[in-house]
Amino acid sequence: MHDRLKDILQLFPTSRGGAILIGTNNLNEFASGITGTNYFYGSCKNPWNVSRISGGSSSGSAVAVATGMVPVSLGTDTGGSVRVPSSLCGVVGIKPTYGRVSKHNVFPLSPSLDHVGCITRSAWDAAAVMEHIAGWDPLDESSKHNEVPAYTNIIENSTLKGIRIGVPKKYFFDHLHPEIENLFYGFIESLRMTGLVVLNTLDLHNTEKYYRSWIVIRLAEAAAIHLTFLNTRADDYSDEVRQMLMQGRKVPAVDYMSAISTAKEIRQEFLSLLNRKVDAILIPTTIIPAPRLGEETVNTNMDTILETREALLRNTIVFNSTGLPAITIPIGLTKDNMPVGAQIIGSMFKEETILSIAYNYERASESSNRFVPPILGIKGR
């Protein structure tokens, strides 16, 4: 598929940006959700099994790429909204470093957590898109002045030899579905064979604060964004979104400021590991495969029942709070033929590192050719 995107880009040899816009996609209302369910426009269905969710909030974007409607689609990611649907639909999704891609003209959900990312069929495609959408924008106050590398050139000339990958000892694996665990560690072993060094001893602290700090920021900032509408048009929201926004109005200022401070502490811990011990961190993107439509709770590992929303967000939210770049790539299928993704996290503005790991794995495993939804009636290789 990436050769097709190369052909498209060759049609615009002098263009720094721009694209042929095909259309807009369905998503959770105001990007406020992780399942791909929209009260007003209906649910996006997973192309691997239409009785299962696509994930969200960038649900239509993931489905459009997975089914070959488009080679690339943009999305926003506030808690996992690019990475979760990408993982559940068997495609690549990248959430860049906070400030790497402009958010100008994007309707905000939670400005401190919002990222603009892209969904593609391969790591090479993601690298090519990043070359065009990344960079400083004076119209976005969160935009950074960091130079944008030639991502495609870097990854095409990269190897994994000597790169150090860290795998945390807890939290991200606490409630992992057994099939995802098996596929993930098989993925790890395949990386070892390429010369990559895997450290299984990363010790993280403050993990109990990941969700609490994220949800306080997410709810409070969303309520502030929607305050005028809440006061004048509250009935125009779905019940679910309205209730979330009302929760945000009740968050005390002291709790919000404390959550912002906690997020900074968590970021420093990750940066310390990434700057001193490893080049990237590797974890499963989600702890469960795609749940069924309307399934409000899930059994994660035979003895733990979680709310679907909590389960889907568990492994992604902390990288919105910290602003670290993260990419998800498909690594296998469950016995029910549902995709599973692995998430690669790098240091600030080191997208080339995570893209290189993803690209080299794809070349070795031919994974970009293997994940073709059965709904298309085409057998992957």
Protein backbone atom coordinates (compact mmCIF):
# COMPACT_ATOMS: atom_id res chain seq x y z
CA MET A 1 0.00 0.00 0.00
CA HIS A 2 2.84 2.42 0.72
CA ASP A 3 3.98 2.21 -2.91
CA ARG A 4 0.57 3.62 -3.88
CA LEU A 5 1.06 6.56 -1.53
CA LYS A 6 4.51 7.11 -3.04
CA ASP A 7 2.88 7.33 -6.46
CA ILE A 8 0.38 9.87 -5.17
CA LEU A 9 3.10 12.03 -3.62
CA GLN A 10 5.03 12.01 -6.90
CA LEU A 11 2.12 13.83 -8.50
CA PHE A 12 2.92 16.79 -6.23
CA PRO A 13 6.75 16.99 -6.32
CA THR A 14 6.94 20.67 -5.39
CA SER A 15 4.21 20.65 -2.78
CA ARG A 16 5.18 20.91 0.89
CA GLY A 17 1.63 20.10 1.93
CA GLY A 18 -1.85 19.65 0.61
CA ALA A 19 -3.92 16.64 -0.34
CA ILE A 20 -6.93 15.55 -2.35
CA LEU A 21 -9.76 15.73 0.18
CA ILE A 22 -12.17 12.83 -0.26
CA GLY A 23 -14.55 13.72 2.57
CA THR A 24 -15.13 13.76 6.30
CA ASN A 25 -15.63 10.73 8.54
CA ASN A 26 -18.00 9.78 11.30
CA LEU A 27 -16.68 10.03 14.87
CA ASN A 28 -17.80 10.24 18.47
CA GLU A 29 -19.78 13.40 19.21
CA PHE A 30 -17.29 16.27 19.69
CA ALA A 31 -14.57 13.56 19.68
CA SER A 32 -15.78 12.77 23.19
CA GLY A 33 -15.59 8.99 23.30
CA ILE A 34 -13.47 5.93 22.59
CA THR A 35 -15.95 3.41 21.13
CA GLY A 36 -16.88 4.98 17.79
CA THR A 37 -20.52 5.35 18.79
CA ASN A 38 -22.31 8.55 17.77
CA TYR A 39 -25.81 9.14 19.18
CA PHE A 40 -26.83 11.25 16.17
CA TYR A 41 -25.12 9.49 13.25
CA GLY A 42 -24.79 5.90 14.41
CA SER A 43 -21.89 3.61 15.24
CA CYS A 44 -18.89 2.87 13.06
CA LYS A 45 -18.54 -0.88 12.65
CA ASN A 46 -15.27 -2.78 12.63
CA PRO A 47 -14.45 -4.03 9.09
CA TRP A 48 -12.99 -7.22 10.55
CA ASN A 49 -16.32 -8.08 12.19
CA VAL A 50 -19.26 -5.72 11.82
CA SER A 51 -20.72 -6.89 15.14
CA ARG A 52 -17.75 -5.27 16.91
CA ILE A 53 -16.79 -1.65 17.50
CA SER A 54 -14.22 0.22 15.47
CA GLY A 55 -12.92 2.19 18.43
CA GLY A 56 -12.92 5.97 18.51
CA SER A 57 -13.11 8.80 18.54
CA SER A 58 -11.45 8.78 15.11
CA SER A 59 -13.62 5.82 14.17
CA GLY A 60 -14.49 6.66 10.59
CA SER A 61 -10.88 7.56 9.88
CA ALA A 62 -9.63 4.12 10.94
CA VAL A 63 -12.38 2.29 9.04
CA ALA A 64 -11.78 4.35 5.88
CA VAL A 65 -8.08 3.45 5.87
CA ALA A 66 -8.59 -0.19 6.89
CA THR A 67 -11.05 -0.77 4.03
CA GLY A 68 -8.88 1.02 1.45
CA MET A 69 -11.27 3.93 0.88
CA VAL A 70 -8.32 6.29 1.37
CA PRO A 71 -4.56 5.80 1.92
CA VAL A 72 -4.48 8.19 4.86
CA SER A 73 -6.86 9.95 7.22
CA LEU A 74 -6.33 12.55 9.90
CA GLY A 75 -7.71 12.36 13.41
CA THR A 76 -7.37 13.90 16.84
CA ASP A 77 -6.12 12.03 19.89
CA THR A 78 -6.98 13.21 23.41
CA GLY A 79 -6.83 9.90 25.24
CA GLY A 80 -6.16 7.37 22.49
CA SER A 81 -8.56 8.46 19.75
CA VAL A 82 -6.12 7.81 16.90
CA ARG A 83 -4.30 4.82 18.38
CA VAL A 84 -7.23 2.82 19.76
CA PRO A 85 -9.30 2.64 16.53
CA SER A 86 -6.11 2.01 14.55
CA SER A 87 -5.26 -0.93 16.80
CA LEU A 88 -8.78 -2.40 16.71
CA CYS A 89 -9.01 -2.06 12.91
CA GLY A 90 -5.53 -3.35 12.05
CA VAL A 91 -3.90 -0.18 10.74
CA VAL A 92 -1.11 2.21 11.78
CA GLY A 93 -1.89 5.26 13.89
CA ILE A 94 0.56 7.88 15.13
CA LYS A 95 0.08 10.50 17.83
CA PRO A 96 3.03 12.87 17.46
CA THR A 97 4.70 14.84 20.23
CA TYR A 98 2.51 17.56 21.72
CA GLY A 99 3.21 20.68 19.65
CA ARG A 100 4.64 18.83 16.64
CA VAL A 101 1.48 19.16 14.49
CA SER A 102 -0.64 22.33 14.53
CA LYS A 103 -4.09 22.24 16.09
CA HIS A 104 -5.16 25.49 14.45
CA ASN A 105 -8.80 25.34 13.31
CA VAL A 106 -9.34 22.04 15.16
CA PHE A 107 -12.32 22.24 17.51
CA PRO A 108 -10.78 21.41 20.91
CA LEU A 109 -11.85 18.74 23.36
CA SER A 110 -9.15 19.26 25.99
CA PRO A 111 -6.41 21.65 24.80
CA SER A 112 -3.72 20.31 27.16
CA LEU A 113 -4.26 16.76 25.91
CA ASP A 114 -5.35 17.20 22.27
CA HIS A 115 -3.00 16.00 19.52
CA VAL A 116 -3.49 15.85 15.75
CA GLY A 117 -2.29 12.58 14.25
CA CYS A 118 -2.79 10.38 11.21
CA ILE A 119 -3.95 6.88 10.38
CA THR A 120 -2.31 4.95 7.52
CA ARG A 121 -1.69 1.46 6.18
CA SER A 122 2.03 1.44 6.96
CA ALA A 123 4.81 3.15 8.90
CA TRP A 124 6.28 4.52 5.68
CA ASP A 125 2.96 6.19 4.89
CA ALA A 126 2.85 7.68 8.38
CA ALA A 127 6.37 9.04 7.94
CA ALA A 128 5.45 10.61 4.60
CA VAL A 129 2.35 12.26 6.03
CA MET A 130 4.27 13.54 9.04
CA GLU A 131 6.75 15.29 6.73
CA HIS A 132 3.84 17.31 5.36
CA ILE A 133 1.73 18.05 8.43
CA ALA A 134 4.41 18.60 11.08
CA GLY A 135 6.08 21.92 11.80
CA TRP A 136 5.71 25.21 13.61
CA ASP A 137 2.50 27.18 13.14
CA PRO A 138 2.35 30.73 14.53
CA LEU A 139 -1.45 30.41 14.71
CA ASP A 140 -1.21 27.62 17.30
CA GLU A 141 0.20 28.72 20.66
CA SER A 142 1.13 25.12 21.56
CA SER A 143 3.13 24.66 18.33
CA LYS A 144 6.91 24.18 18.75
CA HIS A 145 9.80 25.45 16.63
CA ASN A 146 11.54 22.06 16.33
CA GLU A 147 12.87 21.24 12.86
CA VAL A 148 10.97 18.54 10.98
CA PRO A 149 13.30 15.70 9.91
CA ALA A 150 13.12 13.91 6.57
CA TYR A 151 11.29 11.00 8.15
CA THR A 152 11.01 8.77 5.08
CA ASN A 153 14.73 9.06 4.29
CA ILE A 154 15.67 8.35 7.90
CA ILE A 155 13.56 5.22 8.28
CA GLU A 156 14.56 3.81 4.88
CA ASN A 157 18.20 3.93 5.99
CA SER A 158 17.64 2.77 9.55
CA THR A 159 18.27 -0.54 11.29
CA LEU A 160 17.24 -1.81 14.72
CA LYS A 161 20.72 -2.95 15.70
CA GLY A 162 21.64 -1.56 19.10
CA ILE A 163 18.34 0.25 19.68
CA ARG A 164 17.18 -0.29 23.27
CA ILE A 165 13.52 -1.02 23.90
CA GLY A 166 12.06 -0.94 27.39
CA VAL A 167 9.07 -3.02 28.51
CA PRO A 168 7.47 -1.86 31.79
CA LYS A 169 6.99 -4.40 34.56
CA LYS A 170 3.51 -3.38 35.65
CA TYR A 171 0.31 -1.39 34.99
CA PHE A 172 0.17 -1.81 31.19
CA PHE A 173 0.07 -5.60 31.59
CA ASP A 174 -1.99 -5.91 34.77
CA HIS A 175 -5.31 -6.79 33.07
CA LEU A 176 -4.07 -7.92 29.67
CA HIS A 177 -6.21 -10.30 27.61
CA PRO A 178 -4.30 -13.63 27.28
CA GLU A 179 -4.32 -13.65 23.47
CA ILE A 180 -2.95 -10.11 23.33
CA GLU A 181 -0.24 -11.07 25.83
CA ASN A 182 0.84 -14.02 23.67
CA LEU A 183 0.90 -11.96 20.48
CA PHE A 184 2.77 -9.13 22.17
CA TYR A 185 5.58 -11.30 23.50
CA GLY A 186 5.82 -13.04 20.14
CA PHE A 187 6.24 -9.59 18.63
CA ILE A 188 9.00 -8.84 21.16
CA GLU A 189 10.87 -12.01 20.16
CA SER A 190 10.67 -11.10 16.48
CA LEU A 191 12.24 -7.72 17.30
CA ARG A 192 15.07 -9.37 19.19
CA MET A 193 15.99 -11.27 16.04
CA THR A 194 16.60 -7.97 14.22
CA GLY A 195 19.30 -6.90 16.68
CA LEU A 196 17.11 -4.76 18.91
CA VAL A 197 17.94 -4.88 22.62
CA VAL A 198 14.92 -5.49 24.88
CA LEU A 199 14.98 -4.55 28.57
CA ASN A 200 12.15 -6.08 30.58
CA THR A 201 12.97 -4.26 33.79
CA LEU A 202 11.46 -0.77 33.47
CA ASP A 203 10.07 0.17 36.85
CA LEU A 204 7.39 2.88 36.81
CA HIS A 205 5.98 4.81 39.74
CA ASN A 206 2.80 6.86 40.11
CA THR A 207 0.88 4.48 37.85
CA GLU A 208 -2.17 4.80 40.10
CA LYS A 209 -2.24 8.50 39.17
CA TYR A 210 -2.37 8.01 35.38
CA TYR A 211 -6.12 7.81 34.98
CA ARG A 212 -7.10 10.19 37.79
CA SER A 213 -4.88 13.03 36.57
CA TRP A 214 -5.91 12.53 32.94
CA ILE A 215 -9.66 12.41 33.60
CA VAL A 216 -9.61 15.54 35.78
CA ILE A 217 -7.85 17.53 33.05
CA ARG A 218 -10.01 16.04 30.31
CA LEU A 219 -13.33 16.77 32.04
CA ALA A 220 -12.46 20.23 33.35
CA GLU A 221 -11.07 21.54 30.07
CA ALA A 222 -13.92 20.11 27.99
CA ALA A 223 -16.46 21.74 30.31
CA ALA A 224 -14.70 25.09 29.92
CA ILE A 225 -14.72 24.77 26.11
CA HIS A 226 -18.44 23.95 26.04
CA LEU A 227 -19.56 26.26 28.85
CA THR A 228 -21.52 28.66 26.63
CA PHE A 229 -23.29 25.83 24.81
CA LEU A 230 -24.04 24.10 28.11
CA ASN A 231 -25.72 27.24 29.36
CA THR A 232 -27.71 27.88 26.20
CA ARG A 233 -28.13 24.60 24.28
CA ALA A 234 -27.68 21.77 26.77
CA ASP A 235 -30.51 19.71 25.27
CA ASP A 236 -28.72 19.57 21.93
CA TYR A 237 -26.08 17.23 23.37
CA SER A 238 -26.55 13.50 23.72
CA ASP A 239 -27.13 12.34 27.30
CA GLU A 240 -23.67 10.77 27.51
CA VAL A 241 -21.75 13.85 26.40
CA ARG A 242 -23.91 16.25 28.41
CA GLN A 243 -23.30 14.21 31.57
CA MET A 244 -19.54 14.23 30.97
CA LEU A 245 -19.56 17.98 30.52
CA MET A 246 -21.62 18.46 33.66
CA GLN A 247 -19.08 16.35 35.54
CA GLY A 248 -16.36 18.66 34.30
CA ARG A 249 -18.16 21.70 35.66
CA LYS A 250 -17.88 20.18 39.14
CA VAL A 251 -14.09 19.75 39.08
CA PRO A 252 -12.54 22.12 41.68
CA ALA A 253 -9.78 24.43 40.44
CA VAL A 254 -7.38 23.00 43.03
CA ASP A 255 -7.93 19.47 41.65
CA TYR A 256 -7.31 20.67 38.12
CA MET A 257 -4.06 22.40 39.05
CA SER A 258 -2.95 19.35 41.00
CA ALA A 259 -3.65 17.12 37.98
CA ILE A 260 -1.57 19.39 35.74
CA SER A 261 1.29 19.17 38.22
CA THR A 262 0.98 15.38 38.44
CA ALA A 263 1.10 15.09 34.63
CA LYS A 264 4.39 17.00 34.62
CA GLU A 265 5.85 14.66 37.23
CA ILE A 266 4.80 11.61 35.22
CA ARG A 267 6.32 13.10 32.05
CA GLN A 268 9.65 13.67 33.83
CA GLU A 269 9.74 10.04 34.94
CA PHE A 270 9.21 8.79 31.39
CA LEU A 271 11.75 11.25 29.99
CA SER A 272 14.31 10.14 32.54
CA LEU A 273 13.93 6.55 31.35
CA LEU A 274 13.93 7.50 27.67
CA ASN A 275 16.95 9.79 27.94
CA ARG A 276 19.07 7.52 30.13
CA LYS A 277 18.04 3.89 29.84
CA VAL A 278 16.11 3.15 26.64
CA ASP A 279 15.40 4.64 23.22
CA ALA A 280 11.74 3.65 23.17
CA ILE A 281 9.09 1.93 25.28
CA LEU A 282 6.93 -0.88 24.00
CA ILE A 283 3.49 -1.90 25.33
CA PRO A 284 0.23 -3.35 23.96
CA THR A 285 -1.95 -0.58 22.51
CA THR A 286 -5.12 -1.92 24.13
CA ILE A 287 -5.57 -4.59 26.78
CA ILE A 288 -8.52 -6.13 24.92
CA PRO A 289 -9.46 -6.81 21.27
CA ALA A 290 -12.45 -4.97 19.81
CA PRO A 291 -15.55 -5.46 22.02
CA ARG A 292 -18.99 -6.10 20.60
CA LEU A 293 -21.28 -3.19 19.76
CA GLY A 294 -23.15 -2.06 22.85
CA GLU A 295 -20.92 -4.02 25.22
CA GLU A 296 -20.57 -1.75 28.26
CA THR A 297 -18.27 -4.03 30.28
CA VAL A 298 -15.59 -6.49 29.21
CA ASN A 299 -13.84 -9.49 30.74
CA THR A 300 -10.18 -8.63 30.24
CA ASN A 301 -8.21 -11.65 31.46
CA MET A 302 -10.72 -14.22 32.63
CA ASP A 303 -11.05 -12.80 36.14
CA THR A 304 -11.27 -9.02 35.74
CA ILE A 305 -14.32 -7.10 34.52
CA LEU A 306 -13.84 -3.46 33.52
CA GLU A 307 -15.95 -0.82 31.87
CA THR A 308 -15.28 -0.92 28.14
CA ARG A 309 -14.22 2.72 28.08
CA GLU A 310 -11.73 2.24 30.90
CA ALA A 311 -10.27 -0.89 29.31
CA LEU A 312 -9.75 0.75 25.91
CA LEU A 313 -8.14 3.88 27.37
CA ARG A 314 -5.91 2.21 29.95
CA ASN A 315 -2.72 1.95 27.87
CA THR A 316 -2.98 5.18 25.88
CA ILE A 317 -4.04 8.08 28.13
CA VAL A 318 -0.73 8.62 29.89
CA PHE A 319 0.95 9.55 26.61
CA ASN A 320 -1.56 12.34 26.11
CA SER A 321 -0.86 13.63 29.61
CA THR A 322 2.89 13.48 28.99
CA GLY A 323 2.79 14.60 25.34
CA LEU A 324 5.20 11.85 24.25
CA PRO A 325 5.01 10.56 20.66
CA ALA A 326 3.42 7.13 20.23
CA ILE A 327 2.64 4.92 17.26
CA THR A 328 0.52 1.77 17.11
CA ILE A 329 1.16 -0.95 14.54
CA PRO A 330 -0.73 -4.22 13.92
CA ILE A 331 1.13 -7.31 15.18
CA GLY A 332 -1.33 -10.19 14.89
CA LEU A 333 -4.86 -11.56 14.98
CA THR A 334 -6.78 -13.26 17.77
CA LYS A 335 -8.44 -16.66 17.28
CA ASP A 336 -11.59 -14.69 16.38
CA ASN A 337 -9.63 -12.95 13.60
CA MET A 338 -9.53 -9.54 15.31
CA PRO A 339 -6.45 -7.29 15.01
CA VAL A 340 -4.10 -6.59 17.89
CA GLY A 341 -1.73 -3.63 18.03
CA ALA A 342 1.53 -2.77 19.81
CA GLN A 343 2.36 0.76 20.86
CA ILE A 344 5.86 2.23 20.52
CA ILE A 345 6.60 5.35 22.57
CA GLY A 346 9.58 7.65 22.11
CA SER A 347 11.12 10.70 23.68
CA MET A 348 9.92 14.22 22.88
CA PHE A 349 10.21 15.06 19.16
CA LYS A 350 11.79 11.67 18.39
CA GLU A 351 9.14 10.46 15.97
CA GLU A 352 11.89 9.15 13.69
CA THR A 353 12.85 6.59 16.35
CA ILE A 354 9.41 5.06 16.73
CA LEU A 355 8.77 5.23 12.99
CA SER A 356 12.08 3.42 12.33
CA ILE A 357 11.19 0.60 14.72
CA ALA A 358 7.75 0.25 13.14
CA TYR A 359 9.15 0.39 9.59
CA ASN A 360 11.86 -2.22 10.18
CA TYR A 361 9.37 -4.59 11.81
CA GLU A 362 7.01 -4.18 8.84
CA ARG A 363 9.79 -4.97 6.38
CA ALA A 364 10.84 -8.09 8.29
CA SER A 365 7.31 -9.41 8.82
CA GLU A 366 5.54 -8.01 5.72
CA SER A 367 2.84 -6.95 8.17
CA SER A 368 1.55 -4.13 5.97
CA ASN A 369 0.37 -6.80 3.51
CA ARG A 370 -1.13 -9.17 6.08
CA PHE A 371 -3.85 -7.03 7.65
CA VAL A 372 -6.65 -6.94 5.10
CA PRO A 373 -10.17 -7.09 6.56
CA PRO A 374 -12.22 -10.09 5.36
CA ILE A 375 -15.06 -7.71 4.50
CA LEU A 376 -13.05 -6.77 1.39
CA GLY A 377 -13.04 -10.34 0.13
CA ILE A 378 -9.25 -10.22 -0.38
CA LYS A 379 -6.82 -12.61 1.25
CA GLY A 380 -3.73 -11.02 2.80
CA ARG A 381 -0.33 -12.58 2.24
